[in-house]
């Protein structure tokens, strides 16, 4: 943004327009997946991390690299494999010789970027998966006795394949809870697939333009945090989370308090992006599935009956309306 634009960083209407322009620019490079793009942007507006679940080849890497260009953020891709070590992610201390002898120097790993794509995260061992926990929650990396801060904004987008389980290590609930959203990436329609082929196999490439930078994104986050939530909406939101602990026969374990925090932030971000300075009941309802679907554990009855997490959440919402 220009210097003149800097003076409008505290203007909610203007900043919402800028975010909308970023969303439109991302859609130029990603055919279809409009809901996916919207939800990733909502997560970025709250400082949350995203878990993308979908088949290979659906454009997840292209999505992240496009977001990095539009927001002018540094981007690193980490391919998770069974032999990946924690130091391959965070970095390590190396011995450096100098005039005074030898000393340790920290060599930064790929985690030191604004935007991290953790590709096929469930292929790495739990020890390596856990190397992301501190970075995702605290935005710091500790190696030895030293902690190193990560540059803001910092955002992790992880992917996993839902159908190929051989050689994978399912993410533990504690790590899943650190993802704000779990987004299901579905196969495109025939028309969308036609557009994807034309975009990727055609002779003319789409040029993606920078629309915002890290400072602008952080300013938008600050505005999102200021959006008030009415007492009635807050009670409705908390009731939804509490219903996951109300002896539901289809739920073995309900959502954590972090789920309520994530649902509040996501609802605020949705209201902001739509140009409203208040959170509605509909905001909460539309954010419930991506926020809660990975934070509830279905019971054996639910699995045997084919009841999915989304179905459980939708039934809770329907019961609240009745």
C-alpha atoms as a PDB file:
ATOM      1  CA  UNK A   1       0.000   0.000   0.000  1.00  0.00           C
ATOM      2  CA  UNK A   2       1.077   3.588  -0.596  1.00  0.00           C
ATOM      3  CA  UNK A   3       1.952   6.042   2.156  1.00  0.00           C
ATOM      4  CA  UNK A   4      -1.455   7.678   1.684  1.00  0.00           C
ATOM      5  CA  UNK A   5      -3.112   4.323   2.312  1.00  0.00           C
ATOM      6  CA  UNK A   6      -1.153   3.909   5.561  1.00  0.00           C
ATOM      7  CA  UNK A   7      -3.252   6.634   7.104  1.00  0.00           C
ATOM      8  CA  UNK A   8      -6.369   4.510   6.620  1.00  0.00           C
ATOM      9  CA  UNK A   9      -5.151   1.377   8.407  1.00  0.00           C
ATOM     10  CA  UNK A  10      -7.576   2.129  11.247  1.00  0.00           C
ATOM     11  CA  UNK A  11     -10.585   2.490   8.941  1.00  0.00           C
ATOM     12  CA  UNK A  12     -12.602  -0.772   9.159  1.00  0.00           C
ATOM     13  CA  UNK A  13     -14.574  -0.166   5.958  1.00  0.00           C
ATOM     14  CA  UNK A  14     -11.452   0.601   3.939  1.00  0.00           C
ATOM     15  CA  UNK A  15      -9.516  -2.365   5.324  1.00  0.00           C
ATOM     16  CA  UNK A  16     -12.430  -4.716   4.626  1.00  0.00           C
ATOM     17  CA  UNK A  17     -12.366  -3.505   1.014  1.00  0.00           C
ATOM     18  CA  UNK A  18      -8.626  -4.170   0.820  1.00  0.00           C
ATOM     19  CA  UNK A  19      -9.076  -7.725   2.126  1.00  0.00           C
ATOM     20  CA  UNK A  20     -11.874  -8.268  -0.395  1.00  0.00           C
ATOM     21  CA  UNK A  21      -9.516  -7.093  -3.149  1.00  0.00           C
ATOM     22  CA  UNK A  22      -6.946  -9.649  -1.930  1.00  0.00           C
ATOM     23  CA  UNK A  23      -9.577 -12.372  -2.045  1.00  0.00           C
ATOM     24  CA  UNK A  24     -10.518 -11.441  -5.624  1.00  0.00           C
ATOM     25  CA  UNK A  25      -6.854 -11.457  -6.670  1.00  0.00           C
ATOM     26  CA  UNK A  26      -6.332 -14.942  -5.187  1.00  0.00           C
ATOM     27  CA  UNK A  27      -9.358 -16.196  -7.109  1.00  0.00           C
ATOM     28  CA  UNK A  28      -7.639 -15.148 -10.352  1.00  0.00           C
ATOM     29  CA  UNK A  29      -5.023 -17.844  -9.778  1.00  0.00           C
ATOM     30  CA  UNK A  30      -7.273 -20.478  -8.183  1.00  0.00           C
ATOM     31  CA  UNK A  31     -10.237 -21.786 -10.149  1.00  0.00           C
ATOM     32  CA  UNK A  32     -13.221 -22.650  -7.945  1.00  0.00           C
ATOM     33  CA  UNK A  33     -12.604 -23.305  -4.256  1.00  0.00           C
ATOM     34  CA  UNK A  34     -14.134 -19.915  -3.369  1.00  0.00           C
ATOM     35  CA  UNK A  35     -15.266 -21.167   0.027  1.00  0.00           C
ATOM     36  CA  UNK A  36     -11.785 -22.564   0.705  1.00  0.00           C
ATOM     37  CA  UNK A  37     -10.170 -19.236  -0.165  1.00  0.00           C
ATOM     38  CA  UNK A  38     -12.639 -17.342   2.033  1.00  0.00           C
ATOM     39  CA  UNK A  39     -12.023 -19.604   5.029  1.00  0.00           C
ATOM     40  CA  UNK A  40      -8.228 -19.401   4.688  1.00  0.00           C
ATOM     41  CA  UNK A  41      -8.455 -15.595   4.613  1.00  0.00           C
ATOM     42  CA  UNK A  42     -10.722 -15.654   7.680  1.00  0.00           C
ATOM     43  CA  UNK A  43      -8.095 -17.706   9.505  1.00  0.00           C
ATOM     44  CA  UNK A  44      -5.367 -15.266   8.492  1.00  0.00           C
ATOM     45  CA  UNK A  45      -7.470 -12.388   9.842  1.00  0.00           C
ATOM     46  CA  UNK A  46      -7.484 -14.066  13.247  1.00  0.00           C
ATOM     47  CA  UNK A  47      -3.899 -15.336  13.298  1.00  0.00           C
ATOM     48  CA  UNK A  48      -5.110 -18.937  13.210  1.00  0.00           C
ATOM     49  CA  UNK A  49      -3.657 -22.008  11.499  1.00  0.00           C
ATOM     50  CA  UNK A  50      -5.470 -24.190   8.966  1.00  0.00           C
ATOM     51  CA  UNK A  51      -5.553 -27.931   8.288  1.00  0.00           C
ATOM     52  CA  UNK A  52      -6.532 -28.747   4.694  1.00  0.00           C
ATOM     53  CA  UNK A  53      -7.794 -32.259   4.065  1.00  0.00           C
ATOM     54  CA  UNK A  54      -8.142 -33.382   0.480  1.00  0.00           C
ATOM     55  CA  UNK A  55      -6.868 -35.522  -2.337  1.00  0.00           C
ATOM     56  CA  UNK A  56      -3.470 -34.743  -3.907  1.00  0.00           C
ATOM     57  CA  UNK A  57      -3.455 -32.427  -6.911  1.00  0.00           C
ATOM     58  CA  UNK A  58      -6.299 -30.138  -5.835  1.00  0.00           C
ATOM     59  CA  UNK A  59      -4.162 -26.998  -5.841  1.00  0.00           C
ATOM     60  CA  UNK A  60      -3.311 -26.689  -2.158  1.00  0.00           C
ATOM     61  CA  UNK A  61       0.317 -25.705  -2.805  1.00  0.00           C
ATOM     62  CA  UNK A  62      -0.735 -23.272  -5.531  1.00  0.00           C
ATOM     63  CA  UNK A  63      -3.243 -21.713  -3.125  1.00  0.00           C
ATOM     64  CA  UNK A  64      -0.624 -21.045  -0.457  1.00  0.00           C
ATOM     65  CA  UNK A  65       1.956 -19.649  -2.899  1.00  0.00           C
ATOM     66  CA  UNK A  66      -0.709 -17.388  -4.427  1.00  0.00           C
ATOM     67  CA  UNK A  67      -1.680 -16.087  -0.980  1.00  0.00           C
ATOM     68  CA  UNK A  68       1.986 -15.360  -0.295  1.00  0.00           C
ATOM     69  CA  UNK A  69       2.234 -13.263  -3.472  1.00  0.00           C
ATOM     70  CA  UNK A  70      -0.992 -11.331  -2.875  1.00  0.00           C
ATOM     71  CA  UNK A  71      -0.086 -10.475   0.739  1.00  0.00           C
ATOM     72  CA  UNK A  72       3.649 -10.101  -0.030  1.00  0.00           C
ATOM     73  CA  UNK A  73       4.590 -12.709   2.602  1.00  0.00           C
ATOM     74  CA  UNK A  74       7.629 -14.978   2.653  1.00  0.00           C
ATOM     75  CA  UNK A  75       6.617 -18.560   1.879  1.00  0.00           C
ATOM     76  CA  UNK A  76       8.256 -21.909   2.680  1.00  0.00           C
ATOM     77  CA  UNK A  77       7.058 -25.402   1.836  1.00  0.00           C
ATOM     78  CA  UNK A  78       8.060 -28.306   4.069  1.00  0.00           C
ATOM     79  CA  UNK A  79       7.444 -31.807   2.706  1.00  0.00           C
ATOM     80  CA  UNK A  80       6.757 -34.034   5.706  1.00  0.00           C
ATOM     81  CA  UNK A  81       8.163 -37.550   5.404  1.00  0.00           C
ATOM     82  CA  UNK A  82       8.828 -40.329   7.944  1.00  0.00           C
ATOM     83  CA  UNK A  83      12.562 -39.522   8.035  1.00  0.00           C
ATOM     84  CA  UNK A  84      12.091 -35.781   8.602  1.00  0.00           C
ATOM     85  CA  UNK A  85      13.711 -34.685  11.873  1.00  0.00           C
ATOM     86  CA  UNK A  86      12.576 -31.820  14.159  1.00  0.00           C
ATOM     87  CA  UNK A  87      15.786 -29.922  13.403  1.00  0.00           C
ATOM     88  CA  UNK A  88      14.911 -30.090   9.698  1.00  0.00           C
ATOM     89  CA  UNK A  89      11.905 -27.914  10.555  1.00  0.00           C
ATOM     90  CA  UNK A  90      13.104 -25.604  13.325  1.00  0.00           C
ATOM     91  CA  UNK A  91      16.828 -25.363  12.557  1.00  0.00           C
ATOM     92  CA  UNK A  92      19.811 -26.345  14.688  1.00  0.00           C
ATOM     93  CA  UNK A  93      22.909 -25.023  16.430  1.00  0.00           C
ATOM     94  CA  UNK A  94      26.098 -25.482  14.412  1.00  0.00           C
ATOM     95  CA  UNK A  95      29.723 -25.073  15.465  1.00  0.00           C
ATOM     96  CA  UNK A  96      31.416 -22.053  13.920  1.00  0.00           C
ATOM     97  CA  UNK A  97      35.164 -21.506  14.155  1.00  0.00           C
ATOM     98  CA  UNK A  98      36.457 -17.986  14.582  1.00  0.00           C
ATOM     99  CA  UNK A  99      39.547 -16.165  15.821  1.00  0.00           C
ATOM    100  CA  UNK A 100      38.642 -16.832  19.454  1.00  0.00           C
ATOM    101  CA  UNK A 101      38.045 -20.522  18.927  1.00  0.00           C
ATOM    102  CA  UNK A 102      34.706 -22.204  18.348  1.00  0.00           C
ATOM    103  CA  UNK A 103      31.169 -21.152  19.204  1.00  0.00           C
ATOM    104  CA  UNK A 104      27.620 -22.214  18.461  1.00  0.00           C
ATOM    105  CA  UNK A 105      25.571 -20.375  15.858  1.00  0.00           C
ATOM    106  CA  UNK A 106      21.898 -20.971  15.188  1.00  0.00           C
ATOM    107  CA  UNK A 107      21.094 -22.028  11.631  1.00  0.00           C
ATOM    108  CA  UNK A 108      17.454 -21.206  10.933  1.00  0.00           C
ATOM    109  CA  UNK A 109      15.161 -23.852   9.521  1.00  0.00           C
ATOM    110  CA  UNK A 110      12.329 -23.389   7.018  1.00  0.00           C
ATOM    111  CA  UNK A 111       9.867 -22.597   9.832  1.00  0.00           C
ATOM    112  CA  UNK A 112      11.245 -19.049   9.767  1.00  0.00           C
ATOM    113  CA  UNK A 113       8.866 -17.574   7.198  1.00  0.00           C
ATOM    114  CA  UNK A 114       5.520 -15.791   7.299  1.00  0.00           C
ATOM    115  CA  UNK A 115       3.600 -18.518   5.520  1.00  0.00           C
ATOM    116  CA  UNK A 116       4.396 -22.211   6.067  1.00  0.00           C
ATOM    117  CA  UNK A 117       2.955 -25.042   3.999  1.00  0.00           C
ATOM    118  CA  UNK A 118       3.329 -28.260   5.995  1.00  0.00           C
ATOM    119  CA  UNK A 119       2.621 -30.681   3.164  1.00  0.00           C
ATOM    120  CA  UNK A 120       1.249 -34.111   4.162  1.00  0.00           C
ATOM    121  CA  UNK A 121       1.890 -33.389   7.818  1.00  0.00           C
ATOM    122  CA  UNK A 122       0.589 -36.780   8.942  1.00  0.00           C
ATOM    123  CA  UNK A 123       3.467 -38.574   7.155  1.00  0.00           C
ATOM    124  CA  UNK A 124       6.000 -37.340   9.713  1.00  0.00           C
ATOM    125  CA  UNK A 125       6.568 -39.010  13.073  1.00  0.00           C
ATOM    126  CA  UNK A 126       4.869 -37.561  16.170  1.00  0.00           C
ATOM    127  CA  UNK A 127       8.242 -36.212  17.354  1.00  0.00           C
ATOM    128  CA  UNK A 128       8.580 -34.119  14.212  1.00  0.00           C
ATOM    129  CA  UNK A 129       4.911 -33.116  14.238  1.00  0.00           C
ATOM    130  CA  UNK A 130       5.388 -31.802  17.762  1.00  0.00           C
ATOM    131  CA  UNK A 131       8.168 -29.503  16.524  1.00  0.00           C
ATOM    132  CA  UNK A 132       5.392 -27.367  15.063  1.00  0.00           C
ATOM    133  CA  UNK A 133       3.409 -27.068  18.301  1.00  0.00           C
ATOM    134  CA  UNK A 134       5.387 -24.244  19.899  1.00  0.00           C
ATOM    135  CA  UNK A 135       5.623 -22.341  16.634  1.00  0.00           C
ATOM    136  CA  UNK A 136       1.888 -22.628  15.980  1.00  0.00           C
ATOM    137  CA  UNK A 137       0.837 -21.583  19.473  1.00  0.00           C
ATOM    138  CA  UNK A 138       3.567 -19.272  20.786  1.00  0.00           C
ATOM    139  CA  UNK A 139       5.144 -18.119  17.493  1.00  0.00           C
ATOM    140  CA  UNK A 140       8.563 -18.955  18.887  1.00  0.00           C
ATOM    141  CA  UNK A 141      11.096 -21.737  18.303  1.00  0.00           C
ATOM    142  CA  UNK A 142      13.225 -23.085  21.156  1.00  0.00           C
ATOM    143  CA  UNK A 143      16.472 -24.877  20.304  1.00  0.00           C
ATOM    144  CA  UNK A 144      18.645 -25.808  23.256  1.00  0.00           C
ATOM    145  CA  UNK A 145      18.317 -23.059  25.851  1.00  0.00           C
ATOM    146  CA  UNK A 146      17.528 -20.286  23.391  1.00  0.00           C
ATOM    147  CA  UNK A 147      14.136 -19.132  22.106  1.00  0.00           C
ATOM    148  CA  UNK A 148      13.839 -17.468  18.727  1.00  0.00           C
ATOM    149  CA  UNK A 149      10.817 -15.359  17.794  1.00  0.00           C
ATOM    150  CA  UNK A 150       9.091 -15.848  14.466  1.00  0.00           C
ATOM    151  CA  UNK A 151       8.385 -12.887  12.233  1.00  0.00           C
ATOM    152  CA  UNK A 152       4.779 -11.696  12.248  1.00  0.00           C
ATOM    153  CA  UNK A 153       2.436 -12.394  10.651  1.00  0.00           C
ATOM    154  CA  UNK A 154       3.018 -16.140  11.019  1.00  0.00           C
ATOM    155  CA  UNK A 155       0.630 -18.723   9.658  1.00  0.00           C
ATOM    156  CA  UNK A 156       0.783 -22.520   9.204  1.00  0.00           C
ATOM    157  CA  UNK A 157      -1.279 -24.256   6.560  1.00  0.00           C
ATOM    158  CA  UNK A 158      -0.974 -28.040   6.795  1.00  0.00           C
ATOM    159  CA  UNK A 159      -2.338 -30.652   4.396  1.00  0.00           C
ATOM    160  CA  UNK A 160      -3.199 -34.300   4.784  1.00  0.00           C
ATOM    161  CA  UNK A 161      -4.600 -36.999   2.511  1.00  0.00           C
ATOM    162  CA  UNK A 162      -7.859 -38.467   3.917  1.00  0.00           C
ATOM    163  CA  UNK A 163      -7.748 -41.817   2.108  1.00  0.00           C
ATOM    164  CA  UNK A 164      -4.128 -42.996   2.187  1.00  0.00           C
ATOM    165  CA  UNK A 165      -3.333 -44.222   5.695  1.00  0.00           C
ATOM    166  CA  UNK A 166      -0.342 -46.481   5.051  1.00  0.00           C
ATOM    167  CA  UNK A 167       2.822 -44.986   6.491  1.00  0.00           C
ATOM    168  CA  UNK A 168       1.028 -42.128   8.241  1.00  0.00           C
ATOM    169  CA  UNK A 169       0.865 -40.941  11.857  1.00  0.00           C
ATOM    170  CA  UNK A 170      -2.527 -39.445  12.744  1.00  0.00           C
ATOM    171  CA  UNK A 171      -2.288 -36.051  14.400  1.00  0.00           C
ATOM    172  CA  UNK A 172      -2.973 -36.212  18.156  1.00  0.00           C
ATOM    173  CA  UNK A 173      -5.932 -34.254  19.517  1.00  0.00           C
ATOM    174  CA  UNK A 174      -3.621 -31.737  21.230  1.00  0.00           C
ATOM    175  CA  UNK A 175      -2.113 -30.781  17.883  1.00  0.00           C
ATOM    176  CA  UNK A 176      -5.415 -30.802  16.004  1.00  0.00           C
ATOM    177  CA  UNK A 177      -6.752 -28.353  18.579  1.00  0.00           C
ATOM    178  CA  UNK A 178      -4.105 -25.831  17.548  1.00  0.00           C
ATOM    179  CA  UNK A 179      -5.576 -25.580  14.073  1.00  0.00           C
ATOM    180  CA  UNK A 180      -8.277 -22.952  13.963  1.00  0.00           C
ATOM    181  CA  UNK A 181     -10.001 -24.511  10.943  1.00  0.00           C
ATOM    182  CA  UNK A 182     -10.134 -27.911   9.373  1.00  0.00           C
ATOM    183  CA  UNK A 183     -11.150 -27.330   5.765  1.00  0.00           C
ATOM    184  CA  UNK A 184     -12.335 -30.144   3.519  1.00  0.00           C
ATOM    185  CA  UNK A 185     -11.060 -29.648  -0.043  1.00  0.00           C
ATOM    186  CA  UNK A 186     -13.475 -31.374  -2.379  1.00  0.00           C
ATOM    187  CA  UNK A 187     -12.942 -32.433  -5.993  1.00  0.00           C
ATOM    188  CA  UNK A 188     -13.865 -29.668  -8.475  1.00  0.00           C
ATOM    189  CA  UNK A 189     -16.879 -29.767 -10.751  1.00  0.00           C
ATOM    190  CA  UNK A 190     -16.469 -30.446 -14.468  1.00  0.00           C
ATOM    191  CA  UNK A 191     -16.639 -26.726 -15.319  1.00  0.00           C
ATOM    192  CA  UNK A 192     -14.108 -25.888 -12.617  1.00  0.00           C
ATOM    193  CA  UNK A 193     -11.845 -28.690 -13.831  1.00  0.00           C
ATOM    194  CA  UNK A 194     -12.068 -27.266 -17.349  1.00  0.00           C
ATOM    195  CA  UNK A 195     -10.996 -23.876 -16.019  1.00  0.00           C
ATOM    196  CA  UNK A 196      -8.111 -25.412 -14.065  1.00  0.00           C
ATOM    197  CA  UNK A 197      -6.801 -27.203 -17.148  1.00  0.00           C
ATOM    198  CA  UNK A 198      -7.095 -24.020 -19.223  1.00  0.00           C
ATOM    199  CA  UNK A 199      -5.254 -22.011 -16.562  1.00  0.00           C
ATOM    200  CA  UNK A 200      -2.417 -24.466 -15.934  1.00  0.00           C
ATOM    201  CA  UNK A 201      -1.963 -25.904 -19.425  1.00  0.00           C
ATOM    202  CA  UNK A 202      -2.694 -22.785 -21.463  1.00  0.00           C
ATOM    203  CA  UNK A 203      -0.091 -20.595 -23.129  1.00  0.00           C
ATOM    204  CA  UNK A 204      -0.890 -17.439 -21.122  1.00  0.00           C
ATOM    205  CA  UNK A 205      -0.132 -17.426 -17.411  1.00  0.00           C
ATOM    206  CA  UNK A 206      -2.125 -15.326 -14.959  1.00  0.00           C
ATOM    207  CA  UNK A 207      -0.016 -12.652 -13.295  1.00  0.00           C
ATOM    208  CA  UNK A 208      -0.804 -12.313  -9.598  1.00  0.00           C
ATOM    209  CA  UNK A 209      -0.442  -8.817  -8.158  1.00  0.00           C
ATOM    210  CA  UNK A 210       0.491  -7.795  -4.630  1.00  0.00           C
ATOM    211  CA  UNK A 211      -2.514  -6.182  -2.935  1.00  0.00           C
ATOM    212  CA  UNK A 212      -1.409  -5.904   0.697  1.00  0.00           C
ATOM    213  CA  UNK A 213       1.580  -6.544   2.935  1.00  0.00           C
ATOM    214  CA  UNK A 214       2.223  -7.938   6.398  1.00  0.00           C
ATOM    215  CA  UNK A 215       1.691  -4.592   8.086  1.00  0.00           C
ATOM    216  CA  UNK A 216      -1.717  -4.225   6.476  1.00  0.00           C
ATOM    217  CA  UNK A 217      -2.723  -7.757   7.466  1.00  0.00           C
ATOM    218  CA  UNK A 218      -1.715  -7.130  11.091  1.00  0.00           C
ATOM    219  CA  UNK A 219      -3.702  -3.877  11.073  1.00  0.00           C
ATOM    220  CA  UNK A 220      -6.756  -5.755   9.785  1.00  0.00           C
ATOM    221  CA  UNK A 221      -6.327  -8.342  12.553  1.00  0.00           C
ATOM    222  CA  UNK A 222      -6.335  -5.581  15.169  1.00  0.00           C
ATOM    223  CA  UNK A 223      -9.610  -4.242  13.764  1.00  0.00           C
ATOM    224  CA  UNK A 224     -11.161  -7.720  13.810  1.00  0.00           C
ATOM    225  CA  UNK A 225     -10.314  -8.099  17.501  1.00  0.00           C
ATOM    226  CA  UNK A 226     -12.225  -4.899  18.270  1.00  0.00           C
ATOM    227  CA  UNK A 227     -15.559  -6.106  16.875  1.00  0.00           C
ATOM    228  CA  UNK A 228     -17.997  -6.542  19.785  1.00  0.00           C
ATOM    229  CA  UNK A 229     -20.045  -9.663  20.437  1.00  0.00           C
ATOM    230  CA  UNK A 230     -23.491  -9.156  21.957  1.00  0.00           C
ATOM    231  CA  UNK A 231     -24.306 -11.112  25.116  1.00  0.00           C
ATOM    232  CA  UNK A 232     -27.081 -13.063  23.358  1.00  0.00           C
ATOM    233  CA  UNK A 233     -24.744 -14.097  20.532  1.00  0.00           C
ATOM    234  CA  UNK A 234     -22.013 -15.026  23.008  1.00  0.00           C
ATOM    235  CA  UNK A 235     -24.420 -17.201  25.007  1.00  0.00           C
ATOM    236  CA  UNK A 236     -25.571 -18.881  21.791  1.00  0.00           C
ATOM    237  CA  UNK A 237     -21.965 -19.568  20.786  1.00  0.00           C
ATOM    238  CA  UNK A 238     -21.044 -20.990  24.191  1.00  0.00           C
ATOM    239  CA  UNK A 239     -24.187 -23.146  24.236  1.00  0.00           C
ATOM    240  CA  UNK A 240     -23.112 -24.753  20.948  1.00  0.00           C
ATOM    241  CA  UNK A 241     -19.716 -25.670  22.401  1.00  0.00           C
ATOM    242  CA  UNK A 242     -21.290 -26.939  25.633  1.00  0.00           C
ATOM    243  CA  UNK A 243     -23.684 -29.130  23.636  1.00  0.00           C
ATOM    244  CA  UNK A 244     -20.683 -31.180  22.519  1.00  0.00           C
ATOM    245  CA  UNK A 245     -20.324 -32.179  26.203  1.00  0.00           C
ATOM    246  CA  UNK A 246     -24.027 -32.741  26.953  1.00  0.00           C
ATOM    247  CA  UNK A 247     -24.052 -36.522  26.796  1.00  0.00           C
ATOM    248  CA  UNK A 248     -24.573 -36.688  23.056  1.00  0.00           C
ATOM    249  CA  UNK A 249     -24.509 -40.409  22.128  1.00  0.00           C
ATOM    250  CA  UNK A 250     -22.619 -39.595  18.932  1.00  0.00           C
ATOM    251  CA  UNK A 251     -19.783 -37.746  20.700  1.00  0.00           C
ATOM    252  CA  UNK A 252     -17.032 -39.475  22.682  1.00  0.00           C
ATOM    253  CA  UNK A 253     -15.107 -36.296  23.482  1.00  0.00           C
ATOM    254  CA  UNK A 254     -16.354 -32.745  23.033  1.00  0.00           C
ATOM    255  CA  UNK A 255     -14.685 -29.515  21.977  1.00  0.00           C
ATOM    256  CA  UNK A 256     -12.129 -27.726  24.152  1.00  0.00           C
ATOM    257  CA  UNK A 257     -12.272 -24.149  25.498  1.00  0.00           C
ATOM    258  CA  UNK A 258      -9.922 -23.229  22.644  1.00  0.00           C
ATOM    259  CA  UNK A 259     -12.797 -24.108  20.307  1.00  0.00           C
ATOM    260  CA  UNK A 260     -14.964 -21.395  21.861  1.00  0.00           C
ATOM    261  CA  UNK A 261     -12.142 -18.875  21.461  1.00  0.00           C
ATOM    262  CA  UNK A 262     -11.648 -19.883  17.821  1.00  0.00           C
ATOM    263  CA  UNK A 263     -15.384 -19.668  17.111  1.00  0.00           C
ATOM    264  CA  UNK A 264     -15.515 -16.138  18.527  1.00  0.00           C
ATOM    265  CA  UNK A 265     -12.533 -14.999  16.447  1.00  0.00           C
ATOM    266  CA  UNK A 266     -13.815 -16.657  13.268  1.00  0.00           C
ATOM    267  CA  UNK A 267     -17.267 -15.089  13.673  1.00  0.00           C
ATOM    268  CA  UNK A 268     -15.699 -11.656  14.182  1.00  0.00           C
ATOM    269  CA  UNK A 269     -13.552 -12.081  11.060  1.00  0.00           C
ATOM    270  CA  UNK A 270     -16.577 -13.085   8.977  1.00  0.00           C
ATOM    271  CA  UNK A 271     -18.521 -10.034  10.148  1.00  0.00           C
ATOM    272  CA  UNK A 272     -15.526  -7.794   9.362  1.00  0.00           C
ATOM    273  CA  UNK A 273     -15.070  -9.200   5.868  1.00  0.00           C
ATOM    274  CA  UNK A 274     -18.756  -8.572   5.164  1.00  0.00           C
ATOM    275  CA  UNK A 275     -18.457  -4.963   6.320  1.00  0.00           C
ATOM    276  CA  UNK A 276     -20.367  -5.356   9.587  1.00  0.00           C
ATOM    277  CA  UNK A 277     -19.209  -4.202  13.009  1.00  0.00           C
ATOM    278  CA  UNK A 278     -21.276  -6.740  14.911  1.00  0.00           C
ATOM    279  CA  UNK A 279     -21.348 -10.527  15.091  1.00  0.00           C
ATOM    280  CA  UNK A 280     -24.613 -12.218  14.113  1.00  0.00           C
ATOM    281  CA  UNK A 281     -26.077 -15.606  14.974  1.00  0.00           C
ATOM    282  CA  UNK A 282     -25.593 -16.597  11.326  1.00  0.00           C
ATOM    283  CA  UNK A 283     -21.865 -15.837  11.567  1.00  0.00           C
ATOM    284  CA  UNK A 284     -21.581 -18.316  14.415  1.00  0.00           C
ATOM    285  CA  UNK A 285     -23.588 -20.964  12.584  1.00  0.00           C
ATOM    286  CA  UNK A 286     -21.548 -20.707   9.378  1.00  0.00           C
ATOM    287  CA  UNK A 287     -18.241 -20.928  11.246  1.00  0.00           C
ATOM    288  CA  UNK A 288     -19.265 -23.839  13.480  1.00  0.00           C
ATOM    289  CA  UNK A 289     -18.303 -26.694  11.127  1.00  0.00           C
ATOM    290  CA  UNK A 290     -14.770 -25.601  10.144  1.00  0.00           C
ATOM    291  CA  UNK A 291     -14.005 -24.666  13.758  1.00  0.00           C
ATOM    292  CA  UNK A 292     -15.493 -27.721  15.501  1.00  0.00           C
ATOM    293  CA  UNK A 293     -15.253 -30.645  13.061  1.00  0.00           C
ATOM    294  CA  UNK A 294     -11.697 -31.582  14.134  1.00  0.00           C
ATOM    295  CA  UNK A 295     -12.277 -30.847  17.813  1.00  0.00           C
ATOM    296  CA  UNK A 296     -14.959 -33.447  18.517  1.00  0.00           C
ATOM    297  CA  UNK A 297     -14.317 -37.182  18.594  1.00  0.00           C
ATOM    298  CA  UNK A 298     -17.237 -39.281  17.303  1.00  0.00           C
ATOM    299  CA  UNK A 299     -18.392 -42.222  19.378  1.00  0.00           C
ATOM    300  CA  UNK A 300     -18.422 -45.811  18.162  1.00  0.00           C
ATOM    301  CA  UNK A 301     -22.172 -45.488  17.542  1.00  0.00           C
ATOM    302  CA  UNK A 302     -21.604 -42.495  15.274  1.00  0.00           C
ATOM    303  CA  UNK A 303     -18.886 -44.284  13.298  1.00  0.00           C
ATOM    304  CA  UNK A 304     -20.972 -47.444  12.915  1.00  0.00           C
ATOM    305  CA  UNK A 305     -24.009 -45.415  11.796  1.00  0.00           C
ATOM    306  CA  UNK A 306     -22.001 -43.322   9.353  1.00  0.00           C
ATOM    307  CA  UNK A 307     -22.643 -40.092  11.248  1.00  0.00           C
ATOM    308  CA  UNK A 308     -19.908 -37.567  10.447  1.00  0.00           C
ATOM    309  CA  UNK A 309     -18.631 -34.697  12.556  1.00  0.00           C
ATOM    310  CA  UNK A 310     -20.384 -32.191  10.294  1.00  0.00           C
ATOM    311  CA  UNK A 311     -23.673 -34.032  10.688  1.00  0.00           C
ATOM    312  CA  UNK A 312     -23.300 -33.933  14.475  1.00  0.00           C
ATOM    313  CA  UNK A 313     -22.637 -30.183  14.419  1.00  0.00           C
ATOM    314  CA  UNK A 314     -25.565 -29.509  12.080  1.00  0.00           C
ATOM    315  CA  UNK A 315     -27.877 -31.458  14.374  1.00  0.00           C
ATOM    316  CA  UNK A 316     -26.723 -29.377  17.344  1.00  0.00           C
ATOM    317  CA  UNK A 317     -27.423 -26.177  15.400  1.00  0.00           C
ATOM    318  CA  UNK A 318     -30.841 -27.455  14.291  1.00  0.00           C
ATOM    319  CA  UNK A 319     -31.752 -28.339  17.889  1.00  0.00           C
ATOM    320  CA  UNK A 320     -30.789 -24.823  19.029  1.00  0.00           C
ATOM    321  CA  UNK A 321     -33.194 -23.302  16.493  1.00  0.00           C
ATOM    322  CA  UNK A 322     -36.134 -25.525  17.406  1.00  0.00           C
END
